[in-house]
């Protein structure tokens, strides 16, 4: 492999990582806004395990969707 190919692949990887992270943060923010309660308060302050499990499922699902879209 020459340097051009390595840098091109590295650039593509970084671009996809940034786009995936931006999409992920945006979706989590939208979920926080549309819910009638603060997810952060429920999980961190109140220790609501059910909300934490639902949030973890959303994060895992979103990760799979982004991964499938990239490949």
N, C-alpha and C. Protein backbone atom coordinates (compact mmCIF):
# COMPACT_ATOMS: atom_id res chain seq x y z
N UNK A 1 0.84 -1.19 0.00
CA UNK A 1 0.00 0.00 0.00
C UNK A 1 0.88 1.25 0.00
N UNK A 2 0.50 2.19 -0.77
CA UNK A 2 1.26 3.43 -0.76
C UNK A 2 0.64 4.42 0.23
N UNK A 3 1.34 5.50 0.45
CA UNK A 3 0.91 6.48 1.46
C UNK A 3 -0.42 7.14 1.09
N UNK A 4 -0.66 7.35 -0.18
CA UNK A 4 -1.90 8.00 -0.60
C UNK A 4 -3.11 7.15 -0.22
N UNK A 5 -3.03 5.86 -0.43
CA UNK A 5 -4.13 4.96 -0.08
C UNK A 5 -4.35 4.94 1.42
N UNK A 6 -3.28 4.90 2.18
CA UNK A 6 -3.40 4.87 3.64
C UNK A 6 -4.05 6.15 4.15
N UNK A 7 -3.60 7.30 3.63
CA UNK A 7 -4.17 8.57 4.07
C UNK A 7 -5.62 8.72 3.61
N UNK A 8 -5.95 8.22 2.45
CA UNK A 8 -7.33 8.26 1.97
C UNK A 8 -8.23 7.42 2.86
N UNK A 9 -7.78 6.22 3.20
CA UNK A 9 -8.57 5.36 4.07
C UNK A 9 -8.69 5.95 5.48
N UNK A 10 -7.62 6.53 5.97
CA UNK A 10 -7.65 7.17 7.28
C UNK A 10 -8.61 8.36 7.28
N UNK A 11 -8.58 9.14 6.22
CA UNK A 11 -9.50 10.27 6.09
C UNK A 11 -10.95 9.82 6.04
N UNK A 12 -11.22 8.76 5.28
CA UNK A 12 -12.58 8.22 5.19
C UNK A 12 -13.05 7.71 6.55
N UNK A 13 -12.17 7.03 7.25
CA UNK A 13 -12.51 6.50 8.57
C UNK A 13 -12.84 7.63 9.54
N UNK A 14 -12.01 8.66 9.54
CA UNK A 14 -12.27 9.81 10.43
C UNK A 14 -13.56 10.53 10.06
N UNK A 15 -13.81 10.67 8.76
CA UNK A 15 -15.04 11.32 8.32
C UNK A 15 -16.26 10.54 8.78
N UNK A 16 -16.26 9.22 8.59
CA UNK A 16 -17.38 8.40 9.03
C UNK A 16 -17.53 8.42 10.55
N UNK A 17 -16.43 8.45 11.28
CA UNK A 17 -16.49 8.51 12.73
C UNK A 17 -17.12 9.83 13.19
N UNK A 18 -16.74 10.91 12.57
CA UNK A 18 -17.29 12.22 12.93
C UNK A 18 -18.76 12.30 12.58
N UNK A 19 -19.12 11.85 11.37
CA UNK A 19 -20.54 11.87 10.96
C UNK A 19 -21.37 10.99 11.88
N UNK A 20 -20.90 9.80 12.20
CA UNK A 20 -21.62 8.90 13.09
C UNK A 20 -21.79 9.49 14.48
N UNK A 21 -20.75 10.13 15.00
CA UNK A 21 -20.82 10.75 16.32
C UNK A 21 -21.80 11.91 16.33
N UNK A 22 -21.78 12.73 15.29
CA UNK A 22 -22.71 13.86 15.20
C UNK A 22 -24.15 13.36 15.14
N UNK A 23 -24.40 12.34 14.34
CA UNK A 23 -25.75 11.77 14.26
C UNK A 23 -26.17 11.21 15.61
N UNK A 24 -25.27 10.49 16.27
CA UNK A 24 -25.56 9.89 17.56
C UNK A 24 -25.91 10.96 18.60
N UNK A 25 -25.09 11.99 18.71
CA UNK A 25 -25.34 13.05 19.69
C UNK A 25 -26.64 13.79 19.37
N UNK A 26 -26.90 14.02 18.11
CA UNK A 26 -28.13 14.70 17.70
C UNK A 26 -29.37 13.89 18.09
N UNK A 27 -29.34 12.59 17.84
CA UNK A 27 -30.49 11.75 18.17
C UNK A 27 -30.71 11.68 19.68
N UNK A 28 -29.63 11.54 20.45
CA UNK A 28 -29.78 11.50 21.91
C UNK A 28 -30.33 12.83 22.42
N UNK A 29 -29.89 13.94 21.84
CA UNK A 29 -30.43 15.25 22.22
C UNK A 29 -31.92 15.36 21.87
N UNK A 30 -32.29 14.89 20.69
CA UNK A 30 -33.70 14.93 20.29
C UNK A 30 -34.55 14.09 21.24
N UNK A 31 -34.05 12.93 21.62
CA UNK A 31 -34.78 12.08 22.56
C UNK A 31 -34.94 12.79 23.90
N UNK A 32 -33.89 13.47 24.34
CA UNK A 32 -33.96 14.23 25.60
C UNK A 32 -35.00 15.34 25.52
N UNK A 33 -35.10 15.98 24.37
CA UNK A 33 -36.03 17.09 24.20
C UNK A 33 -37.48 16.61 24.12
N UNK A 34 -37.73 15.50 23.41
CA UNK A 34 -39.12 15.09 23.19
C UNK A 34 -39.73 14.32 24.36
N UNK A 35 -38.90 13.82 25.26
CA UNK A 35 -39.47 13.13 26.42
C UNK A 35 -39.98 14.15 27.42
N UNK A 36 -41.07 13.82 28.12
CA UNK A 36 -41.65 14.78 29.06
C UNK A 36 -40.85 14.92 30.36
N UNK A 37 -39.79 14.18 30.50
CA UNK A 37 -38.95 14.24 31.70
C UNK A 37 -37.49 14.28 31.27
N UNK A 38 -36.62 14.65 32.18
CA UNK A 38 -35.19 14.69 31.89
C UNK A 38 -34.60 13.29 32.05
N UNK A 39 -34.09 12.75 30.97
CA UNK A 39 -33.49 11.42 31.02
C UNK A 39 -32.27 11.43 31.93
N UNK A 40 -31.48 12.48 31.84
CA UNK A 40 -30.30 12.58 32.69
C UNK A 40 -30.67 12.57 34.16
N UNK A 41 -31.69 13.34 34.53
CA UNK A 41 -32.12 13.39 35.93
C UNK A 41 -32.64 12.03 36.38
N UNK A 42 -33.42 11.39 35.52
CA UNK A 42 -33.98 10.08 35.87
C UNK A 42 -32.89 9.04 36.10
N UNK A 43 -31.88 9.04 35.25
CA UNK A 43 -30.84 8.01 35.34
C UNK A 43 -29.81 8.36 36.42
N UNK A 44 -29.29 9.57 36.37
CA UNK A 44 -28.17 9.93 37.25
C UNK A 44 -28.64 10.23 38.67
N UNK A 45 -29.62 11.11 38.79
CA UNK A 45 -30.02 11.55 40.13
C UNK A 45 -30.98 10.58 40.81
N UNK A 46 -31.97 10.09 40.06
CA UNK A 46 -32.99 9.23 40.66
C UNK A 46 -32.63 7.75 40.59
N UNK A 47 -31.66 7.39 39.79
CA UNK A 47 -31.25 6.00 39.67
C UNK A 47 -32.29 5.09 39.04
N UNK A 48 -33.02 5.61 38.07
CA UNK A 48 -34.08 4.86 37.41
C UNK A 48 -33.45 3.88 36.40
N UNK A 49 -33.40 2.61 36.80
CA UNK A 49 -32.77 1.58 35.97
C UNK A 49 -33.55 1.33 34.68
N UNK A 50 -34.87 1.42 34.74
CA UNK A 50 -35.69 1.15 33.55
C UNK A 50 -35.39 2.16 32.45
N UNK A 51 -35.26 3.42 32.80
CA UNK A 51 -34.93 4.45 31.81
C UNK A 51 -33.52 4.22 31.27
N UNK A 52 -32.60 3.81 32.13
CA UNK A 52 -31.23 3.54 31.70
C UNK A 52 -31.20 2.38 30.70
N UNK A 53 -32.00 1.35 30.93
CA UNK A 53 -32.05 0.21 30.01
C UNK A 53 -32.63 0.62 28.67
N UNK A 54 -33.68 1.42 28.68
CA UNK A 54 -34.27 1.89 27.43
C UNK A 54 -33.27 2.76 26.67
N UNK A 55 -32.57 3.65 27.38
CA UNK A 55 -31.56 4.50 26.74
C UNK A 55 -30.42 3.65 26.16
N UNK A 56 -30.00 2.63 26.89
CA UNK A 56 -28.95 1.74 26.39
C UNK A 56 -29.41 1.01 25.13
N UNK A 57 -30.67 0.59 25.09
CA UNK A 57 -31.21 -0.07 23.90
C UNK A 57 -31.25 0.88 22.71
N UNK A 58 -31.61 2.12 22.96
CA UNK A 58 -31.63 3.13 21.89
C UNK A 58 -30.22 3.37 21.37
N UNK A 59 -29.25 3.48 22.28
CA UNK A 59 -27.86 3.70 21.88
C UNK A 59 -27.34 2.53 21.06
N UNK A 60 -27.60 1.31 21.50
CA UNK A 60 -27.14 0.13 20.77
C UNK A 60 -27.80 0.05 19.39
N UNK A 61 -29.10 0.31 19.33
CA UNK A 61 -29.81 0.28 18.05
C UNK A 61 -29.28 1.33 17.10
N UNK A 62 -29.06 2.52 17.61
CA UNK A 62 -28.55 3.60 16.78
C UNK A 62 -27.15 3.26 16.26
N UNK A 63 -26.33 2.65 17.10
CA UNK A 63 -24.99 2.23 16.68
C UNK A 63 -25.05 1.21 15.56
N UNK A 64 -25.98 0.27 15.65
CA UNK A 64 -26.13 -0.74 14.59
C UNK A 64 -26.62 -0.11 13.29
N UNK A 65 -27.53 0.84 13.41
CA UNK A 65 -28.04 1.50 12.21
C UNK A 65 -26.95 2.31 11.52
N UNK A 66 -26.19 3.07 12.30
CA UNK A 66 -25.09 3.85 11.73
C UNK A 66 -24.04 2.94 11.11
N UNK A 67 -23.71 1.85 11.79
CA UNK A 67 -22.73 0.91 11.27
C UNK A 67 -23.19 0.30 9.96
N UNK A 68 -24.46 -0.10 9.90
CA UNK A 68 -24.99 -0.68 8.67
C UNK A 68 -25.02 0.35 7.54
N UNK A 69 -25.29 1.59 7.86
CA UNK A 69 -25.34 2.62 6.83
C UNK A 69 -23.94 2.91 6.27
N UNK A 70 -22.93 2.80 7.12
CA UNK A 70 -21.57 3.06 6.66
C UNK A 70 -21.06 1.92 5.77
N UNK A 71 -21.41 0.70 6.11
CA UNK A 71 -20.94 -0.45 5.33
C UNK A 71 -21.87 -0.64 4.19
